Protein backbone atom coordinates (compact mmCIF):
# COMPACT_ATOMS: atom_id res chain seq x y z
CA UNK A 1 1.71 7.42 -26.12
CA UNK A 2 4.75 6.29 -28.09
CA UNK A 3 4.46 4.16 -31.20
CA UNK A 4 7.14 2.51 -33.30
CA UNK A 5 6.64 1.58 -36.95
CA UNK A 6 8.84 -1.02 -38.64
CA UNK A 7 8.76 -1.51 -42.40
CA UNK A 8 10.81 -4.31 -43.90
CA UNK A 9 11.69 -5.10 -47.51
CA UNK A 10 10.74 -1.71 -48.90
CA UNK A 11 12.28 -1.01 -52.31
CA UNK A 12 13.72 2.38 -51.29
CA UNK A 13 13.88 4.84 -48.40
CA UNK A 14 11.04 7.03 -49.76
CA UNK A 15 8.51 4.20 -49.79
CA UNK A 16 9.80 2.96 -46.41
CA UNK A 17 9.27 6.43 -44.93
CA UNK A 18 5.81 6.73 -46.53
CA UNK A 19 4.68 3.32 -45.21
CA UNK A 20 6.05 4.07 -41.72
CA UNK A 21 4.20 7.40 -41.68
CA UNK A 22 0.97 5.63 -42.71
CA UNK A 23 1.38 3.06 -39.93
CA UNK A 24 1.99 5.78 -37.33
CA UNK A 25 -0.98 7.81 -38.54
CA UNK A 26 -3.18 4.71 -38.23
CA UNK A 27 -1.85 3.96 -34.73
CA UNK A 28 -2.37 7.45 -33.38
CA UNK A 29 -5.86 7.65 -34.93
CA UNK A 30 -7.08 4.29 -33.64
CA UNK A 31 -5.23 3.60 -30.37
CA UNK A 32 -5.79 5.16 -26.97
CA UNK A 33 -3.71 4.79 -23.84
CA UNK A 34 -5.29 4.30 -20.41
CA UNK A 35 -3.03 5.17 -17.50
CA UNK A 36 -3.82 4.94 -13.79
CA UNK A 37 -1.40 6.31 -11.20
CA UNK A 38 -3.58 4.97 -8.33
CA UNK A 39 -4.32 8.42 -6.83
CA UNK A 40 -8.01 7.53 -6.44
CA UNK A 41 -7.20 4.47 -4.30
CA UNK A 42 -6.39 4.54 -0.59
CA UNK A 43 -3.79 2.11 0.70
CA UNK A 44 -4.17 1.50 4.41
CA UNK A 45 -1.27 0.05 6.42
CA UNK A 46 -1.72 -3.71 6.57
CA UNK A 47 -1.51 -6.00 9.60
CA UNK A 48 1.58 -8.16 9.79
CA UNK A 49 2.14 -11.06 12.16
CA UNK A 50 5.40 -12.08 13.78
CA UNK A 51 7.21 -8.83 13.06
CA UNK A 52 8.80 -6.08 15.13
CA UNK A 53 6.06 -3.81 13.75
CA UNK A 54 2.36 -4.68 13.77
CA UNK A 55 1.49 -2.84 10.55
CA UNK A 56 3.26 -2.37 7.26
CA UNK A 57 2.94 0.64 4.94
CA UNK A 58 2.23 -0.36 1.33
CA UNK A 59 2.16 1.26 -2.10
CA UNK A 60 1.61 0.24 -5.74
CA UNK A 61 4.74 -1.04 -7.49
CA UNK A 62 4.16 1.04 -10.65
CA UNK A 63 1.41 2.84 -12.57
CA UNK A 64 -0.97 0.73 -14.66
CA UNK A 65 -1.13 1.31 -18.42
CA UNK A 66 -3.12 -0.42 -21.14
CA UNK A 67 -3.42 0.37 -24.86
CA UNK A 68 -6.83 0.04 -26.49
CA UNK A 69 -7.51 -0.26 -30.22
CA UNK A 70 -11.09 0.96 -29.84
CA UNK A 71 -12.81 3.76 -27.96
CA UNK A 72 -13.26 2.85 -24.30
CA UNK A 73 -14.86 4.94 -21.62
CA UNK A 74 -12.37 5.11 -18.72
CA UNK A 75 -15.24 5.08 -16.20
CA UNK A 76 -16.03 1.50 -17.21
CA UNK A 77 -12.59 0.26 -16.17
CA UNK A 78 -12.80 -1.15 -12.66
CA UNK A 79 -9.98 -1.68 -10.19
CA UNK A 80 -10.08 -4.03 -7.21
CA UNK A 81 -7.52 -4.11 -4.41
CA UNK A 82 -6.75 -7.53 -2.94
CA UNK A 83 -4.26 -8.12 -0.15
CA UNK A 84 -2.63 -11.44 0.68
CA UNK A 85 -4.06 -13.17 3.73
CA UNK A 86 -1.89 -13.53 6.83
CA UNK A 87 1.10 -11.36 5.91
CA UNK A 88 3.99 -12.68 8.00
CA UNK A 89 7.39 -11.28 8.87
CA UNK A 90 10.10 -11.09 7.71
CA UNK A 91 9.14 -8.83 4.80
CA UNK A 92 11.62 -7.08 2.51
CA UNK A 93 11.08 -3.63 1.03
CA UNK A 94 9.44 -4.06 -2.37
CA UNK A 95 8.02 -7.52 -1.59
CA UNK A 96 4.46 -8.02 -2.92
CA UNK A 97 1.71 -8.10 -0.26
CA UNK A 98 -1.27 -7.74 -2.60
CA UNK A 99 -2.35 -6.58 -6.03
CA UNK A 100 -4.66 -4.27 -7.91
CA UNK A 101 -6.72 -6.07 -10.56
CA UNK A 102 -8.06 -4.05 -13.52
CA UNK A 103 -11.11 -5.28 -15.46
CA UNK A 104 -13.33 -4.06 -18.27
CA UNK A 105 -16.75 -5.70 -18.77
CA UNK A 106 -15.67 -8.66 -16.64
CA UNK A 107 -12.45 -9.26 -18.61
CA UNK A 108 -9.13 -8.81 -16.84
CA UNK A 109 -6.88 -6.15 -18.37
CA UNK A 110 -3.92 -6.54 -16.04
CA UNK A 111 -2.53 -6.44 -12.51
CA UNK A 112 -0.17 -4.27 -10.49
CA UNK A 113 1.56 -5.54 -7.35
CA UNK A 114 1.11 -3.75 -4.04
CA UNK A 115 4.47 -3.84 -2.29
CA UNK A 116 5.95 -3.19 1.14
CA UNK A 117 7.52 0.24 1.70
CA UNK A 118 9.97 -0.99 4.35
CA UNK A 119 11.84 -4.00 5.67
CA UNK A 120 10.14 -5.65 8.65
CA UNK A 121 12.27 -8.06 10.64
CA UNK A 122 10.88 -11.10 12.36
CA UNK A 123 10.28 -10.42 16.05
CA UNK A 124 12.37 -12.34 18.55
CA UNK A 125 11.60 -13.08 22.21
CA UNK A 126 12.80 -9.67 23.46
CA UNK A 127 10.81 -7.80 20.79
CA UNK A 128 7.62 -9.65 21.80
CA UNK A 129 8.30 -9.00 25.48
CA UNK A 130 8.87 -5.30 24.78
CA UNK A 131 5.56 -5.04 22.87
CA UNK A 132 3.75 -6.82 25.69
CA UNK A 133 5.15 -4.42 28.31
CA UNK A 134 4.21 -1.38 26.19
CA UNK A 135 0.65 -2.66 25.82
CA UNK A 136 0.44 -3.36 29.54
CA UNK A 137 1.40 0.20 30.46
CA UNK A 138 -0.89 1.67 27.77
CA UNK A 139 -3.84 0.07 29.53
CA UNK A 140 -3.05 1.91 32.78
CA UNK A 141 -2.67 5.44 31.37
């Protein structure tokens, strides 16, 4: 955890340094940082309609962090994964397709986007025909 202390209008550099040190001591003693890198969550490929691919691989956009000014048990922090309904092509790499919502005692702490890992182009007539032929021959194997 990184903290920054700013002291303005101090009479000299010694008192400014002393006050900044006091602020930092207080911050480090009373603040805790919660960080989740989403390793406990599983992100299944999501269905996509109208694209050259039928599923899209997804991942969280960034880790989630939250600073608390009181002691919090990390086990009480809940995360819920919600995907958008009817994801349609075209999709660009990095485009949000859902989100992870973090809550503590029913209060929302924050959100992290779940994004596409690849570009998915919209399927044209030939792409749809190709997929249909592949499915047809899969049935007869």
